[in-house]
Protein backbone atom coordinates (compact mmCIF):
# COMPACT_ATOMS: atom_id res chain seq x y z
CA MET A 1 31.59 -21.08 29.82
CA ARG A 2 30.85 -17.55 28.62
CA ASP A 3 34.29 -17.33 26.95
CA GLY A 4 33.67 -20.71 25.32
CA TRP A 5 30.39 -19.51 23.78
CA GLY A 6 32.14 -16.36 22.59
CA ALA A 7 34.87 -18.34 20.89
CA ALA A 8 32.30 -20.62 19.29
CA LEU A 9 30.36 -17.64 17.98
CA ARG A 10 33.53 -16.16 16.47
CA LEU A 11 34.21 -19.44 14.72
CA VAL A 12 30.68 -19.49 13.29
CA VAL A 13 31.06 -15.96 11.98
CA LEU A 14 34.48 -16.78 10.52
CA ALA A 15 33.08 -19.90 8.84
CA ALA A 16 30.20 -17.82 7.49
CA GLY A 17 32.62 -15.36 5.98
CA ILE A 18 34.62 -18.13 4.34
CA ALA A 19 31.46 -19.77 2.96
CA VAL A 20 30.11 -16.56 1.55
CA SER A 21 33.41 -15.64 -0.02
CA GLY A 22 32.84 -18.45 -2.50
CA CYS A 23 29.35 -17.18 -3.41
CA SER A 24 28.28 -14.29 -5.55
CA ALA A 25 28.36 -10.97 -3.70
CA THR A 26 25.15 -9.43 -2.44
CA ASP A 27 23.90 -6.62 -4.68
CA THR A 28 24.22 -3.39 -2.68
CA THR A 29 23.59 -1.10 -5.66
CA PRO A 30 21.16 1.71 -4.73
CA ILE A 31 17.87 1.54 -6.60
CA ASN A 32 17.92 5.33 -7.12
CA GLN A 33 20.31 7.87 -8.57
CA THR A 34 20.85 11.22 -6.90
CA ARG A 35 21.02 14.34 -9.04
CA THR A 36 21.55 18.08 -8.75
CA GLN A 37 17.91 19.06 -9.09
CA ALA A 38 15.11 18.01 -6.76
CA GLY A 39 12.08 16.42 -8.35
CA PRO A 40 8.53 17.77 -8.32
CA PRO A 41 6.28 17.57 -5.26
CA SER A 42 3.65 14.87 -4.92
CA PRO A 43 0.28 15.59 -6.58
CA ALA A 44 -1.86 17.93 -4.49
CA ALA A 45 -5.03 15.86 -5.04
CA LEU A 46 -6.29 12.53 -6.27
CA PRO A 47 -6.91 12.29 -10.03
CA ASP A 48 -10.13 13.95 -11.17
CA PRO A 49 -12.82 11.51 -12.33
CA ASP A 50 -14.18 11.49 -15.85
CA ASP A 51 -17.74 10.82 -14.64
CA ASP A 52 -20.08 12.78 -12.37
CA GLY A 53 -17.60 12.45 -9.50
CA GLY A 54 -20.18 11.23 -7.03
CA THR A 55 -18.22 8.18 -5.88
CA ILE A 56 -14.50 7.88 -5.19
CA LEU A 57 -12.79 4.69 -4.02
CA ALA A 58 -9.40 4.35 -2.35
CA LEU A 59 -7.94 0.86 -1.87
CA ALA A 60 -5.28 -0.48 0.50
CA PHE A 61 -3.96 -4.04 0.25
CA SER A 62 -2.28 -5.65 3.26
CA GLY A 63 0.84 -7.73 3.57
CA GLY A 64 0.84 -11.51 3.70
CA GLY A 65 2.73 -12.82 0.67
CA THR A 66 0.82 -14.38 -2.21
CA ARG A 67 -2.09 -14.97 0.15
CA ALA A 68 -2.50 -11.18 0.51
CA ALA A 69 -2.18 -10.59 -3.24
CA ALA A 70 -4.83 -13.26 -3.95
CA PHE A 71 -7.25 -11.81 -1.38
CA ALA A 72 -6.82 -8.34 -2.88
CA TYR A 73 -7.31 -9.75 -6.38
CA GLY A 74 -10.51 -11.51 -5.32
CA ALA A 75 -11.90 -8.30 -3.79
CA LEU A 76 -10.93 -6.30 -6.87
CA THR A 77 -12.57 -8.73 -9.31
CA GLU A 78 -15.79 -8.66 -7.28
CA LEU A 79 -15.78 -4.85 -7.23
CA ASP A 80 -15.51 -5.07 -11.00
CA THR A 81 -18.85 -6.92 -11.16
CA LEU A 82 -20.66 -4.05 -9.44
CA ILE A 83 -21.90 -2.04 -12.44
CA ILE A 84 -22.56 1.62 -11.61
CA ASP A 85 -23.29 3.06 -15.06
CA GLU A 86 -24.23 1.80 -18.52
CA HIS A 87 -24.24 4.97 -20.67
CA PRO A 88 -22.36 5.93 -22.71
CA THR A 89 -20.18 2.95 -21.65
CA GLU A 90 -20.46 0.33 -18.95
CA ARG A 91 -18.57 1.23 -15.80
CA SER A 92 -17.96 -0.67 -12.54
CA LEU A 93 -16.80 0.45 -9.09
CA VAL A 94 -13.21 -0.24 -10.19
CA ASP A 95 -13.53 2.71 -12.59
CA ASP A 96 -13.95 4.94 -9.54
CA VAL A 97 -10.71 3.81 -7.86
CA ARG A 98 -8.54 6.93 -7.53
CA SER A 99 -5.76 5.56 -5.32
CA VAL A 100 -4.37 2.13 -4.52
CA ALA A 101 -1.81 1.38 -1.83
CA GLY A 102 -0.08 -1.82 -0.90
CA THR A 103 2.33 -3.38 1.55
CA SER A 104 4.45 -6.48 0.91
CA GLY A 105 2.31 -9.06 -0.94
CA GLY A 106 -0.45 -6.49 -1.34
CA ALA A 107 2.02 -4.14 -3.03
CA VAL A 108 2.31 -6.59 -5.94
CA MET A 109 -1.41 -6.33 -6.66
CA ALA A 110 -1.49 -2.56 -6.10
CA ALA A 111 1.41 -1.97 -8.47
CA TYR A 112 -0.02 -4.29 -11.11
CA LEU A 113 -3.37 -2.47 -11.09
CA GLY A 114 -1.52 0.83 -11.54
CA TYR A 115 0.64 -0.65 -14.29
CA LYS A 116 -2.03 -2.47 -16.31
CA GLY A 117 -5.14 -0.49 -15.43
CA LYS A 118 -8.71 -1.71 -15.16
CA GLU A 119 -8.64 -3.28 -18.60
CA GLY A 120 -5.45 -5.27 -18.04
CA TYR A 121 -5.20 -6.43 -14.43
CA ALA A 122 -7.42 -9.53 -14.88
CA ASP A 123 -4.52 -11.77 -15.92
CA PHE A 124 -2.84 -11.26 -12.52
CA ARG A 125 -3.88 -14.72 -11.40
CA ASP A 126 -2.09 -16.43 -14.27
CA ARG A 127 0.93 -14.12 -14.35
CA PHE A 128 1.62 -13.99 -10.60
CA LEU A 129 -0.70 -15.87 -8.25
CA ALA A 130 -0.38 -19.22 -10.01
CA MET A 131 3.37 -18.84 -10.63
CA ASP A 132 6.38 -19.71 -8.48
CA ALA A 133 7.68 -16.30 -7.41
CA GLU A 134 10.21 -18.06 -5.16
CA SER A 135 11.98 -19.65 -8.13
CA TYR A 136 14.85 -17.13 -8.02
CA MET A 137 15.13 -17.18 -4.24
CA ARG A 138 17.65 -18.88 -1.97
CA THR A 139 16.39 -20.86 1.00
CA LEU A 140 17.87 -20.51 4.47
CA PHE A 141 18.45 -24.23 4.88
CA THR A 142 21.91 -24.63 3.35
CA PRO A 143 25.21 -23.76 5.06
CA SER A 144 26.21 -21.21 2.40
CA ASN A 145 22.85 -19.44 2.45
CA LEU A 146 22.76 -19.42 6.24
CA ALA A 147 26.22 -17.90 6.19
CA ARG A 148 25.10 -15.28 3.66
CA THR A 149 22.21 -14.42 5.96
CA VAL A 150 24.56 -13.85 8.91
CA VAL A 151 27.03 -11.71 6.99
CA ASP A 152 24.77 -9.82 4.56
CA GLY A 153 21.65 -9.47 6.69
CA GLY A 154 19.52 -11.71 4.50
CA ALA A 155 19.66 -14.77 2.28
CA ASN A 156 18.36 -12.93 -0.81
CA ASP A 157 19.03 -9.59 -2.43
CA ARG A 158 17.31 -7.61 -5.18
CA ASN A 159 18.46 -10.17 -7.77
CA SER A 160 16.01 -12.74 -6.43
CA PHE A 161 12.35 -11.77 -6.02
CA GLY A 162 12.93 -8.30 -7.43
CA ARG A 163 14.48 -9.69 -10.60
CA TRP A 164 11.64 -12.20 -10.98
CA LEU A 165 9.09 -9.37 -10.72
CA ASP A 166 11.00 -7.24 -13.21
CA GLU A 167 11.28 -10.01 -15.80
CA GLN A 168 7.98 -11.83 -15.33
CA LEU A 169 5.47 -9.19 -14.26
CA PHE A 170 6.49 -5.55 -14.73
CA GLU A 171 8.61 -5.98 -17.88
CA GLY A 172 11.31 -3.54 -16.82
CA ALA A 173 8.81 -0.69 -16.28
CA THR A 174 9.54 2.26 -14.00
CA PHE A 175 7.16 4.52 -12.05
CA ALA A 176 6.79 6.60 -15.20
CA ALA A 177 4.49 3.83 -16.47
CA PHE A 178 1.89 4.85 -13.86
CA HIS A 179 1.38 8.24 -15.52
CA LYS A 180 -1.70 7.50 -17.59
CA PRO A 181 -4.98 9.40 -17.41
CA ASP A 182 -7.13 6.40 -16.45
CA ARG A 183 -4.85 5.12 -13.67
CA PRO A 184 -5.09 5.63 -9.91
CA ILE A 185 -2.26 7.02 -7.82
CA VAL A 186 -0.12 4.10 -6.61
CA TRP A 187 1.40 4.17 -3.12
CA ILE A 188 3.86 1.41 -2.21
CA THR A 189 4.97 1.13 1.42
CA ALA A 190 8.27 -0.18 2.74
CA SER A 191 9.99 0.48 6.10
CA ASP A 192 12.98 2.78 6.68
CA ILE A 193 14.83 0.81 9.36
CA TYR A 194 17.14 3.74 10.22
CA ASN A 195 14.29 6.14 11.03
CA ARG A 196 11.89 3.33 12.03
CA THR A 197 9.05 4.76 9.98
CA PRO A 198 6.99 3.83 6.93
CA PHE A 199 8.74 4.68 3.67
CA LEU A 200 6.40 5.74 0.89
CA PHE A 201 7.42 5.63 -2.75
CA THR A 202 6.13 9.13 -3.54
CA GLN A 203 7.44 12.20 -5.33
CA ASP A 204 7.89 14.01 -1.98
CA THR A 205 10.06 11.18 -0.65
CA PHE A 206 12.28 11.06 -3.73
CA SER A 207 12.57 14.84 -3.94
CA ALA A 208 14.07 14.71 -0.44
CA LEU A 209 16.51 12.12 -1.83
CA CYS A 210 17.29 14.41 -4.81
CA SER A 211 16.10 11.59 -7.04
CA ASP A 212 13.56 11.05 -9.78
CA LEU A 213 10.88 8.55 -8.74
CA ASP A 214 9.91 8.06 -12.38
CA GLN A 215 13.28 6.38 -13.01
CA VAL A 216 12.86 3.84 -10.18
CA LYS A 217 11.82 0.36 -11.30
CA ILE A 218 8.40 -0.74 -10.10
CA ALA A 219 9.86 -4.16 -9.32
CA ASP A 220 12.50 -2.66 -7.00
CA ALA A 221 9.87 -0.77 -5.02
CA VAL A 222 7.65 -3.84 -4.68
CA ALA A 223 10.63 -6.00 -3.71
CA ALA A 224 11.57 -3.49 -0.99
CA SER A 225 8.01 -3.56 0.30
CA ALA A 226 8.16 -7.37 0.51
CA ALA A 227 11.72 -7.65 1.91
CA VAL A 228 10.97 -9.82 4.94
CA PRO A 229 13.86 -9.62 7.44
CA VAL A 230 16.37 -12.50 7.32
CA VAL A 231 14.81 -13.88 4.12
CA PHE A 232 15.92 -10.71 2.31
CA SER A 233 18.76 -8.29 2.88
CA PRO A 234 17.67 -4.64 2.98
CA VAL A 235 17.09 -2.75 -0.27
CA ILE A 236 19.36 0.29 -0.49
CA LEU A 237 18.87 3.89 -1.61
CA ALA A 238 21.50 6.62 -1.80
CA THR A 239 21.04 9.97 -0.06
CA PRO A 240 22.39 13.18 -1.59
CA ALA A 241 25.52 14.95 -0.49
CA LYS A 242 24.66 17.95 1.65
CA GLY A 243 23.66 20.86 -0.58
CA GLN A 244 23.75 18.68 -3.68
CA CYS A 245 20.38 19.84 -5.00
CA GLN A 246 18.13 22.84 -4.59
CA TYR A 247 15.64 21.05 -2.38
CA GLN A 248 12.80 23.05 -0.83
CA ARG A 249 10.87 21.51 2.02
CA PRO A 250 7.14 21.25 1.26
CA ALA A 251 5.09 23.57 3.46
CA TRP A 252 3.43 20.66 5.26
CA LEU A 253 6.83 19.17 6.17
CA GLN A 254 8.09 22.39 7.74
CA ARG A 255 4.86 22.80 9.72
CA ALA A 256 5.02 19.19 10.95
CA ILE A 257 8.60 19.60 12.18
CA ASP A 258 7.91 22.95 13.88
CA SER A 259 4.53 22.05 15.39
CA ASP A 260 4.18 21.91 19.18
CA ASN A 261 1.17 19.62 18.94
CA PRO A 262 1.65 17.59 15.76
CA SER A 263 0.35 14.33 14.47
CA VAL A 264 3.06 12.07 15.88
CA ARG A 265 2.99 9.87 12.78
CA LEU A 266 3.24 12.86 10.42
CA GLN A 267 6.08 14.45 12.39
CA ALA A 268 8.05 11.18 12.37
CA TYR A 269 7.58 10.96 8.61
CA ALA A 270 8.62 14.60 8.14
CA ARG A 271 11.75 14.04 10.22
CA MET A 272 12.58 10.99 8.12
CA LEU A 273 12.47 13.06 4.92
CA ASP A 274 14.46 15.85 6.58
CA SER A 275 17.16 13.37 7.64
CA TYR A 276 17.90 12.57 4.00
CA GLN A 277 19.02 16.17 3.52
CA SER A 278 20.36 17.18 6.94
CA ASN A 279 22.02 14.08 8.41
CA SER A 280 25.54 13.94 6.98
CA ASP A 281 26.09 10.51 8.59
CA LEU A 282 23.17 9.01 6.68
CA LYS A 283 24.60 8.18 3.27
CA TYR A 284 22.37 5.18 2.54
CA VAL A 285 18.80 4.34 3.41
CA ARG A 286 17.93 0.69 4.00
CA LEU A 287 14.44 -0.60 3.42
CA LEU A 288 12.73 -3.74 4.66
CA ASP A 289 9.21 -5.17 4.59
CA GLY A 290 6.48 -2.53 4.81
CA GLY A 291 4.65 -4.78 7.26
CA LEU A 292 7.14 -3.81 9.97
CA THR A 293 5.59 -0.35 10.17
CA ASP A 294 2.25 -0.69 8.37
CA ASN A 295 0.91 -4.12 7.53
CA LEU A 296 -2.38 -2.74 6.16
CA GLY A 297 -0.95 -0.29 3.64
CA ILE A 298 -2.93 2.59 5.17
CA SER A 299 -0.04 4.97 5.94
CA ALA A 300 -0.21 6.76 2.60
CA MET A 301 -3.83 7.80 2.88
CA SER A 302 -3.43 8.57 6.61
CA LEU A 303 -0.45 10.83 5.96
CA GLU A 304 -2.14 12.51 3.01
CA ARG A 305 -4.98 13.50 5.27
CA ALA A 306 -2.71 14.44 8.20
CA GLN A 307 -0.66 16.86 6.06
CA ALA A 308 -3.73 18.47 4.47
CA THR A 309 -3.94 22.27 4.46
CA THR A 310 -7.57 22.34 3.31
CA PRO A 311 -10.70 20.71 4.74
CA TYR A 312 -11.07 18.59 1.62
CA ALA A 313 -7.54 17.33 0.76
CA PRO A 314 -6.51 14.90 -0.68
CA LEU A 315 -9.56 15.74 -2.78
CA SER A 316 -9.54 18.79 -5.01
CA ALA A 317 -12.05 21.59 -4.45
CA TYR A 318 -13.83 20.34 -7.59
CA GLN A 319 -14.11 16.83 -6.19
CA ALA A 320 -15.22 18.06 -2.77
CA VAL A 321 -18.34 19.66 -4.25
CA ARG A 322 -19.33 16.80 -6.53
CA ILE A 323 -18.63 13.87 -4.23
CA ARG A 324 -21.35 11.83 -2.51
CA HIS A 325 -19.40 8.78 -1.33
CA PHE A 326 -15.74 8.39 -0.42
CA LEU A 327 -15.09 4.72 0.27
CA PHE A 328 -11.77 3.51 1.68
CA ILE A 329 -11.55 -0.28 1.35
CA VAL A 330 -8.78 -2.13 3.18
CA THR A 331 -8.19 -5.81 2.40
CA ASP A 332 -6.53 -7.59 5.32
CA ALA A 333 -5.21 -11.09 4.61
CA GLY A 334 -3.78 -11.53 8.09
CA VAL A 335 -4.25 -14.92 9.71
CA GLN A 336 -5.16 -15.73 13.29
CA ASN A 337 -2.88 -18.56 14.34
CA GLU A 338 -4.25 -20.89 17.00
CA TYR A 339 -1.90 -22.10 19.73
CA ASP A 340 -2.29 -25.37 21.61
CA TRP A 341 -0.70 -24.27 24.86
CA GLY A 342 -4.04 -23.19 26.27
CA VAL A 343 -4.87 -26.79 27.15
CA SER A 344 -1.68 -27.53 29.08
CA GLN A 345 0.23 -26.16 32.05
CA GLN A 346 3.52 -27.12 30.40
CA PRO A 347 5.55 -24.14 29.12
CA PRO A 348 5.49 -23.74 25.32
CA HIS A 349 8.54 -24.13 23.11
CA ILE A 350 10.54 -20.93 22.46
CA GLY A 351 9.67 -21.13 18.75
CA LYS A 352 5.96 -20.87 19.55
CA ILE A 353 6.60 -18.00 21.94
CA LEU A 354 8.52 -16.04 19.30
CA ARG A 355 5.84 -16.66 16.69
CA SER A 356 3.10 -15.54 19.08
CA VAL A 357 5.07 -12.38 19.92
CA ALA A 358 5.22 -11.49 16.21
CA ASP A 359 1.52 -12.32 15.73
CA THR A 360 0.52 -10.27 18.77
CA THR A 361 2.55 -7.25 17.67
CA ILE A 362 1.14 -7.27 14.14
CA SER A 363 -2.45 -7.83 15.30
CA ALA A 364 -2.30 -5.00 17.86
CA SER A 365 -0.73 -2.63 15.32
CA THR A 366 -3.34 -3.55 12.73
CA ARG A 367 -6.25 -2.86 15.08
CA HIS A 368 -4.85 0.43 16.32
CA GLY A 369 -3.96 1.57 12.80
CA PHE A 370 -7.38 0.89 11.36
CA ASP A 371 -9.19 2.48 14.32
CA ALA A 372 -7.04 5.62 13.93
CA VAL A 373 -7.91 5.88 10.23
CA ASP A 374 -11.59 5.34 10.96
CA LEU A 375 -11.57 8.16 13.53
CA ALA A 376 -9.64 10.51 11.23
CA PHE A 377 -12.09 9.87 8.38
CA ASN A 378 -15.08 10.54 10.62
CA GLN A 379 -13.55 13.92 11.41
CA TRP A 380 -12.80 14.49 7.73
CA GLN A 381 -16.45 13.89 6.84
CA GLN A 382 -17.50 16.65 9.23
CA GLN A 383 -14.91 19.03 7.80
CA LEU A 384 -16.12 18.28 4.28
CA ILE A 385 -19.69 19.03 5.29
CA GLU A 386 -18.70 22.34 6.91
CA TYR A 387 -16.75 23.34 3.79
CA ARG A 388 -19.57 22.45 1.42
CA CYS A 389 -22.20 24.20 3.52
CA GLY A 390 -20.09 27.37 3.52
CA LEU A 391 -20.23 27.66 -0.28
CA THR A 392 -22.56 30.03 -2.09
CA ASN A 393 -25.04 28.77 -4.69
CA ALA A 394 -22.95 30.49 -7.36
CA GLN A 395 -19.86 28.56 -6.32
CA VAL A 396 -21.75 25.26 -6.34
CA LEU A 397 -23.28 26.06 -9.73
CA ARG A 398 -19.87 26.74 -11.27
CA THR A 399 -18.63 23.33 -10.15
CA ARG A 400 -21.68 21.10 -10.56
CA GLY A 401 -23.35 22.89 -13.45
CA THR A 402 -26.68 22.59 -11.66
CA LEU A 403 -28.23 22.99 -8.20
CA VAL A 404 -30.59 20.07 -8.82
CA GLY A 405 -30.11 17.51 -6.06
CA TRP A 406 -27.59 19.65 -4.16
CA ASN A 407 -27.45 18.98 -0.45
CA CYS A 408 -24.30 20.25 1.24
CA ARG A 409 -24.62 17.64 4.01
CA ASP A 410 -25.06 14.75 1.63
CA VAL A 411 -21.52 13.33 1.72
CA VAL A 412 -20.36 10.16 3.45
CA VAL A 413 -16.77 9.06 4.14
CA THR A 414 -16.52 5.43 5.21
CA THR A 415 -13.81 2.83 5.79
CA GLU A 416 -14.36 -0.87 5.22
CA HIS A 417 -12.03 -3.50 6.67
CA LEU A 418 -12.30 -6.76 4.74
CA SER A 419 -10.76 -9.87 6.28
CA PHE A 420 -11.16 -13.65 6.13
CA ARG A 421 -13.91 -13.36 8.74
CA ASN A 422 -16.08 -11.65 6.11
CA ALA A 423 -16.02 -14.72 3.86
CA ASP A 424 -17.85 -18.03 4.29
CA PRO A 425 -17.32 -19.06 7.97
CA SER A 426 -16.82 -22.66 6.92
CA LEU A 427 -13.66 -21.59 5.04
CA TYR A 428 -12.09 -19.70 7.95
CA ARG A 429 -9.91 -22.49 9.34
CA ALA A 430 -8.64 -23.48 5.88
CA LEU A 431 -7.83 -19.84 5.07
CA ASN A 432 -5.92 -19.44 8.32
CA ASN A 433 -3.75 -22.42 7.46
CA ILE A 434 -2.49 -20.89 4.21
CA PRO A 435 1.13 -19.85 4.75
CA THR A 436 2.75 -16.48 4.17
CA ARG A 437 4.81 -17.38 1.12
CA LEU A 438 5.42 -16.21 -2.43
CA ARG A 439 4.37 -19.59 -3.80
CA LEU A 440 1.04 -21.29 -3.14
CA ASP A 441 -0.64 -24.20 -4.85
CA LYS A 442 -3.50 -23.35 -7.20
CA GLN A 443 -6.16 -24.72 -4.86
CA GLN A 444 -4.97 -22.37 -2.12
CA VAL A 445 -4.87 -19.44 -4.54
CA ASP A 446 -8.43 -20.02 -5.71
CA LEU A 447 -9.68 -20.43 -2.14
CA VAL A 448 -8.26 -17.05 -1.14
CA ILE A 449 -9.62 -15.40 -4.32
CA GLN A 450 -13.04 -16.80 -3.45
CA ALA A 451 -12.72 -15.35 0.06
CA GLY A 452 -11.91 -11.90 -1.34
CA ARG A 453 -14.93 -12.00 -3.61
CA GLU A 454 -17.21 -13.13 -0.79
CA ALA A 455 -15.90 -10.42 1.54
CA VAL A 456 -17.00 -7.75 -0.95
CA ARG A 457 -20.27 -9.55 -1.72
CA ASN A 458 -21.12 -9.74 1.99
CA ASN A 459 -20.29 -6.10 2.76
CA ALA A 460 -23.57 -4.19 3.04
CA ASN A 461 -22.05 -0.72 2.69
CA ILE A 462 -20.09 -1.50 -0.48
CA GLN A 463 -23.23 -2.96 -2.03
CA LYS A 464 -25.23 0.10 -0.93
CA VAL A 465 -22.70 2.52 -2.45
CA ALA A 466 -22.82 0.59 -5.73
CA ARG A 467 -26.65 0.72 -5.81
CA GLU A 468 -26.83 4.43 -5.00
CA THR A 469 -24.13 5.26 -7.57
CA ARG A 470 -26.02 3.29 -10.22
CA GLN A 471 -29.31 5.02 -9.35
CA ARG A 472 -27.66 8.44 -9.48
CA ALA A 473 -26.17 7.64 -12.89
CA ARG A 474 -29.61 6.70 -14.22
CA ILE A 475 -31.09 9.97 -12.95
CA PHE A 476 -28.34 12.02 -14.58
CA ASP A 477 -28.73 10.04 -17.81
CA ALA A 478 -32.46 10.76 -17.81
CA ILE A 479 -31.87 14.49 -17.18
CA GLY A 480 -29.32 14.58 -19.99
CA ARG A 481 -31.68 12.90 -22.47
CA ALA A 482 -34.50 15.27 -21.51
CA GLN A 483 -32.28 18.31 -22.07
CA MET A 484 -31.20 16.98 -25.47
CA ALA A 485 -34.85 16.40 -26.44
CA ARG A 486 -35.76 19.99 -25.49
CA ASN A 487 -32.88 21.34 -27.55
């Protein structure tokens, strides 16, 4: 019997190869180009604000297909209604966003905010959420596509969803398009399935690959982040030949590798980057869905803090003195599937078991990941306070321009986890029934957008930060007008 199954399997594989041979070949072209000179390191700090610097927001958008992108969009549009200043121009909380990260579906929204900026992201509903992003994709339910999946590791390659993004949304733009003074840092997360770690599209990562991140298409990065296994074949990057470029390990990477008591996550990430230079057997890196290693999109901010060499990084020293609120908002569009086997003694079907295994793994990882970030940020708040309280009045005066209102302990770092449970409870069941796809009907899209808006509206701390930022702006405006009157 065992030999019979083996022969049958060989026939299936042979048939798959024959079927695929009549189809177009899978695109295995690397999305990067290696060169002889390593690129620059990642920025040492978040972009400096052009206001008083009292409030800084960092955003992370979870995976979950179009459902996740719509939830992030809803939260973002509601943040944009929270006005924090009116003079000399009107500003909302979105103006204080200094970094935005995304995984899978959330990466689409994160990249679009970085690409279009605060003034241009509003059309995201019409340009992506209401569109059919699956129109270029192959389904698994034909013999030829099933065969392609077996042979090539996925039914779709970068010429499906990635091409749709490039043509319909990002207009051929590369990461260089993110380099504008009013834009946040954009962190897109995929998964390196060789090293089994998150893969961040950052300058540090591409320097280790002897590549220029600015030449990588935004659409390719987002497609890699959303490359669900089986549905998509892995996205490929080339590694450099040994000694090809004059790469210097960043100081944090060397410390993480050498440390006897490291952050396990940071050391794994450092070893991943080191493998691109030192492992002669690793000629190509393969990327799949970022949700495999980080479904919340929080790895970038976590690693930035873990590799910090100062008590204030990833803030600058300037920001550390002026800041009052650092708010890390995570939008989580994960669903909580309900299973009917609780009412029966009969064993459930294998399909339900496999689905519940995936749901359990993602849910546990999500909880542990967010709790770890929350703990790390609590510690960061204490380190910020100690740093600020160790400054002299002269140092504070040079940075703030005044000692009025200075309180070295007056800084708060908080994390806010927004999920469907934070919206109208009557919508919860309907929200949980929305599938993880790249095409939803418009009623589903608008329901999830509404949930994102309500989650922000119902969050007491976000509302409090907005009020306090607005009050502080009014005080500074009044002081400024009084000084002008005296002069």
